[in-house]
Protein backbone atom coordinates (compact mmCIF):
# COMPACT_ATOMS: atom_id res chain seq x y z
CA UNK A 1 16.63 -15.14 -9.80
CA UNK A 2 14.37 -16.94 -7.40
CA UNK A 3 11.05 -15.27 -6.70
CA UNK A 4 8.87 -16.27 -3.82
CA UNK A 5 5.05 -16.41 -4.04
CA UNK A 6 2.72 -14.90 -1.50
CA UNK A 7 2.47 -17.18 1.50
CA UNK A 8 -0.87 -18.84 2.08
CA UNK A 9 -2.42 -17.70 5.34
CA UNK A 10 -4.45 -20.22 7.34
CA UNK A 11 -6.62 -17.77 9.26
CA UNK A 12 -8.90 -20.36 10.80
CA UNK A 13 -6.19 -22.89 11.59
CA UNK A 14 -4.50 -21.05 14.43
CA UNK A 15 -6.53 -17.92 14.91
CA UNK A 16 -6.32 -18.28 18.67
CA UNK A 17 -2.56 -18.72 18.75
CA UNK A 18 -0.23 -16.03 19.97
CA UNK A 19 3.44 -16.31 19.87
CA UNK A 20 6.80 -14.80 20.37
CA UNK A 21 10.04 -16.62 20.84
CA UNK A 22 13.47 -17.02 22.27
CA UNK A 23 16.55 -15.38 20.77
CA UNK A 24 19.74 -17.42 20.88
CA UNK A 25 23.14 -16.06 21.85
CA UNK A 26 24.60 -16.83 18.41
CA UNK A 27 23.51 -13.51 16.91
CA UNK A 28 26.08 -10.97 15.81
CA UNK A 29 23.44 -8.37 14.98
CA UNK A 30 23.65 -5.47 17.40
CA UNK A 31 20.39 -3.93 18.55
CA UNK A 32 20.23 -0.12 18.37
CA UNK A 33 19.71 1.81 21.61
CA UNK A 34 16.12 2.72 22.48
CA UNK A 35 15.05 6.12 23.76
CA UNK A 36 13.00 5.14 26.82
CA UNK A 37 11.01 8.40 26.63
CA UNK A 38 9.55 7.25 23.33
CA UNK A 39 8.49 3.77 24.47
CA UNK A 40 4.75 3.06 24.28
CA UNK A 41 5.08 -0.64 25.11
CA UNK A 42 7.92 -3.10 25.58
CA UNK A 43 8.30 -6.74 26.53
CA UNK A 44 11.41 -8.85 27.01
CA UNK A 45 9.19 -11.89 27.71
CA UNK A 46 10.67 -12.47 31.12
CA UNK A 47 7.19 -12.29 32.65
CA UNK A 48 4.80 -15.01 31.37
CA UNK A 49 1.89 -12.92 32.62
CA UNK A 50 2.61 -9.94 30.35
CA UNK A 51 -0.41 -10.64 28.16
CA UNK A 52 0.63 -12.69 25.14
CA UNK A 53 -1.20 -15.97 24.44
CA UNK A 54 0.10 -19.28 25.72
CA UNK A 55 -1.02 -22.06 23.38
CA UNK A 56 0.32 -25.58 22.84
CA UNK A 57 -1.63 -27.53 20.21
CA UNK A 58 -0.78 -30.08 17.54
CA UNK A 59 -0.86 -27.38 14.87
CA UNK A 60 1.51 -25.03 16.65
CA UNK A 61 2.91 -23.45 19.79
CA UNK A 62 3.03 -19.85 20.95
CA UNK A 63 4.39 -19.42 24.47
CA UNK A 64 7.00 -17.85 26.73
CA UNK A 65 10.21 -19.87 27.07
CA UNK A 66 13.21 -19.00 29.20
CA UNK A 67 12.70 -15.27 28.99
CA UNK A 68 11.70 -15.10 25.33
CA UNK A 69 8.65 -15.80 23.15
CA UNK A 70 8.57 -18.96 21.08
CA UNK A 71 6.56 -19.70 17.92
CA UNK A 72 6.46 -23.18 16.37
CA UNK A 73 4.47 -23.87 13.19
CA UNK A 74 3.70 -27.59 12.90
CA UNK A 75 1.48 -27.43 9.81
CA UNK A 76 2.61 -26.77 6.24
CA UNK A 77 1.51 -23.62 4.40
CA UNK A 78 0.31 -22.02 7.61
CA UNK A 79 0.87 -18.87 9.64
CA UNK A 80 0.35 -18.26 13.34
CA UNK A 81 0.50 -14.95 15.14
CA UNK A 82 0.29 -13.30 18.54
CA UNK A 83 -0.87 -9.97 19.91
CA UNK A 84 -0.56 -8.30 23.32
CA UNK A 85 -4.09 -6.86 23.20
CA UNK A 86 -3.29 -3.17 22.69
CA UNK A 87 -4.33 -0.42 20.28
CA UNK A 88 -2.14 2.11 18.47
CA UNK A 89 -2.31 4.27 15.37
CA UNK A 90 1.19 5.47 14.35
CA UNK A 91 4.10 3.38 15.64
CA UNK A 92 7.63 2.11 15.15
CA UNK A 93 7.90 -1.56 16.20
CA UNK A 94 11.20 -3.37 16.83
CA UNK A 95 12.09 -6.97 17.70
CA UNK A 96 14.94 -9.46 17.52
CA UNK A 97 13.99 -12.64 15.67
CA UNK A 98 15.99 -15.87 15.46
CA UNK A 99 15.25 -18.97 13.45
CA UNK A 100 15.90 -21.98 15.70
CA UNK A 101 14.76 -24.90 13.55
CA UNK A 102 12.82 -25.84 10.45
CA UNK A 103 13.22 -25.13 6.75
CA UNK A 104 14.77 -21.85 5.60
CA UNK A 105 11.81 -21.39 3.26
CA UNK A 106 9.63 -19.81 5.94
CA UNK A 107 8.30 -16.42 6.98
CA UNK A 108 8.34 -14.39 10.20
CA UNK A 109 8.07 -10.82 11.32
CA UNK A 110 5.85 -8.08 12.70
CA UNK A 111 2.20 -7.08 12.62
CA UNK A 112 0.67 -3.63 12.95
CA UNK A 113 -2.87 -2.21 12.90
CA UNK A 114 -4.33 -5.59 13.74
CA UNK A 115 -8.11 -5.12 13.71
CA UNK A 116 -9.05 -8.81 13.95
CA UNK A 117 -7.92 -12.18 12.60
CA UNK A 118 -8.99 -11.21 9.06
CA UNK A 119 -7.70 -7.63 8.87
CA UNK A 120 -4.13 -6.40 9.53
CA UNK A 121 -0.74 -5.44 8.07
CA UNK A 122 2.30 -7.75 8.18
CA UNK A 123 6.00 -7.13 7.52
CA UNK A 124 8.00 -10.33 7.05
CA UNK A 125 11.30 -11.90 6.06
CA UNK A 126 12.40 -15.48 5.44
CA UNK A 127 15.45 -17.47 6.54
CA UNK A 128 16.48 -17.88 2.91
CA UNK A 129 16.75 -14.12 2.45
CA UNK A 130 13.43 -12.77 1.17
CA UNK A 131 11.17 -10.02 2.46
CA UNK A 132 7.74 -8.53 1.96
CA UNK A 133 5.07 -6.13 3.20
CA UNK A 134 1.45 -7.13 2.96
CA UNK A 135 -2.01 -7.05 4.43
CA UNK A 136 -4.92 -9.32 5.18
CA UNK A 137 -8.29 -7.86 4.21
CA UNK A 138 -11.45 -9.83 5.02
CA UNK A 139 -9.27 -12.91 5.30
CA UNK A 140 -7.64 -12.42 1.88
CA UNK A 141 -3.86 -12.03 2.03
CA UNK A 142 -1.92 -9.93 -0.46
CA UNK A 143 1.49 -8.36 -0.77
CA UNK A 144 1.69 -4.59 -1.15
CA UNK A 145 3.76 -3.14 -3.96
CA UNK A 146 4.99 -6.49 -5.31
CA UNK A 147 3.73 -9.76 -6.74
CA UNK A 148 6.35 -11.83 -4.95
CA UNK A 149 8.88 -11.48 -2.15
CA UNK A 150 12.22 -10.15 -3.48
CA UNK A 151 15.60 -11.23 -2.03
CA UNK A 152 18.04 -9.10 -0.04
CA UNK A 153 21.64 -9.63 1.06
CA UNK A 154 20.88 -7.61 4.20
CA UNK A 155 18.97 -10.55 5.69
CA UNK A 156 20.97 -12.99 7.81
CA UNK A 157 20.08 -16.42 6.50
CA UNK A 158 19.75 -19.82 8.15
CA UNK A 159 19.74 -20.17 11.93
CA UNK A 160 20.62 -16.54 12.51
CA UNK A 161 19.22 -13.51 14.30
CA UNK A 162 17.77 -10.54 12.43
CA UNK A 163 16.77 -7.23 13.97
CA UNK A 164 13.42 -6.18 12.50
CA UNK A 165 11.72 -2.80 12.51
CA UNK A 166 8.31 -1.92 11.10
CA UNK A 167 7.03 1.64 10.70
CA UNK A 168 3.29 2.21 10.45
CA UNK A 169 2.91 5.98 10.28
CA UNK A 170 -0.01 7.55 8.47
CA UNK A 171 -0.20 5.91 5.05
CA UNK A 172 3.46 4.84 5.17
CA UNK A 173 4.18 1.17 5.89
CA UNK A 174 7.90 0.31 6.00
CA UNK A 175 10.16 -2.63 6.85
CA UNK A 176 13.76 -2.39 8.04
CA UNK A 177 16.10 -5.36 8.53
CA UNK A 178 19.33 -4.96 10.50
CA UNK A 179 19.09 -1.20 10.16
CA UNK A 180 18.53 -1.17 6.39
CA UNK A 181 15.29 -0.09 4.70
CA UNK A 182 13.87 -3.00 2.69
CA UNK A 183 10.67 -1.44 1.39
CA UNK A 184 8.24 1.38 2.03
CA UNK A 185 4.75 1.70 0.57
CA UNK A 186 1.63 3.78 1.01
CA UNK A 187 -1.60 2.10 2.04
CA UNK A 188 -4.64 3.47 3.90
CA UNK A 189 -6.64 0.28 4.45
CA UNK A 190 -6.18 0.34 8.25
CA UNK A 191 -5.47 3.32 10.50
CA UNK A 192 -5.15 1.72 13.94
CA UNK A 193 -5.12 -1.59 15.80
CA UNK A 194 -2.99 -4.00 17.78
CA UNK A 195 0.65 -4.88 17.18
CA UNK A 196 2.05 -8.40 17.09
CA UNK A 197 4.30 -11.15 15.79
CA UNK A 198 3.84 -13.66 12.99
CA UNK A 199 5.58 -16.85 11.83
CA UNK A 200 4.78 -19.34 9.12
CA UNK A 201 5.76 -22.32 7.03
CA UNK A 202 5.51 -23.20 3.37
CA UNK A 203 5.90 -26.75 2.01
CA UNK A 204 7.85 -28.01 5.03
CA UNK A 205 6.34 -27.72 8.55
CA UNK A 206 8.42 -27.25 11.69
CA UNK A 207 9.31 -23.56 11.52
CA UNK A 208 10.49 -22.39 14.96
CA UNK A 209 11.19 -18.71 15.54
CA UNK A 210 12.28 -17.06 18.79
CA UNK A 211 11.50 -13.39 19.40
CA UNK A 212 12.93 -11.10 22.06
CA UNK A 213 13.02 -7.44 23.10
CA UNK A 214 9.73 -6.37 21.52
CA UNK A 215 9.39 -2.58 21.61
CA UNK A 216 6.70 -0.20 20.37
CA UNK A 217 7.91 3.40 19.96
CA UNK A 218 6.37 6.74 19.13
CA UNK A 219 7.10 7.66 15.51
């Protein structure tokens, strides 16, 4: 069975980039209803002034596009990410994510408890059906609870939409994909910070992910 190594994180390459992307209409994944009373923050990316970064450089793009947030990774073995500039402790985070172009051997997902560019949690999947939970500590990236990213049939592969949910509640860090729990681990490295989005490439550059309907909820 294929195992996937930890992605290499280029912290200095695109530290200033922020990005979320556009979701296509090809998805068949239904988004669950959201209790508005529990919403701490939400963004459908229809307003380009909502606070996410707008960057267009040779290495990558993070910007609003037609009512969604677009992330393009133009360098190999690199990750870029975006944050709205907020601070939370315990949260549920939800987003729709669609791969638009690039190699299926990629990574994309959610960030929680983002302290700075060298310290945060990430919850990711890939377009070839793998997933992982990890953290960056003093710029060093590591998976939590696993040495490599395991596969799952719950992940829609290729140019498809996946509905992602990350729970960061106390010591519990969890990832759900399309309503199914992928993994849940305990870690107390970070207790609060910003939320965000992340996308990356491995050997082949050109990963393009579109995100929509970003919601932060009370746990």
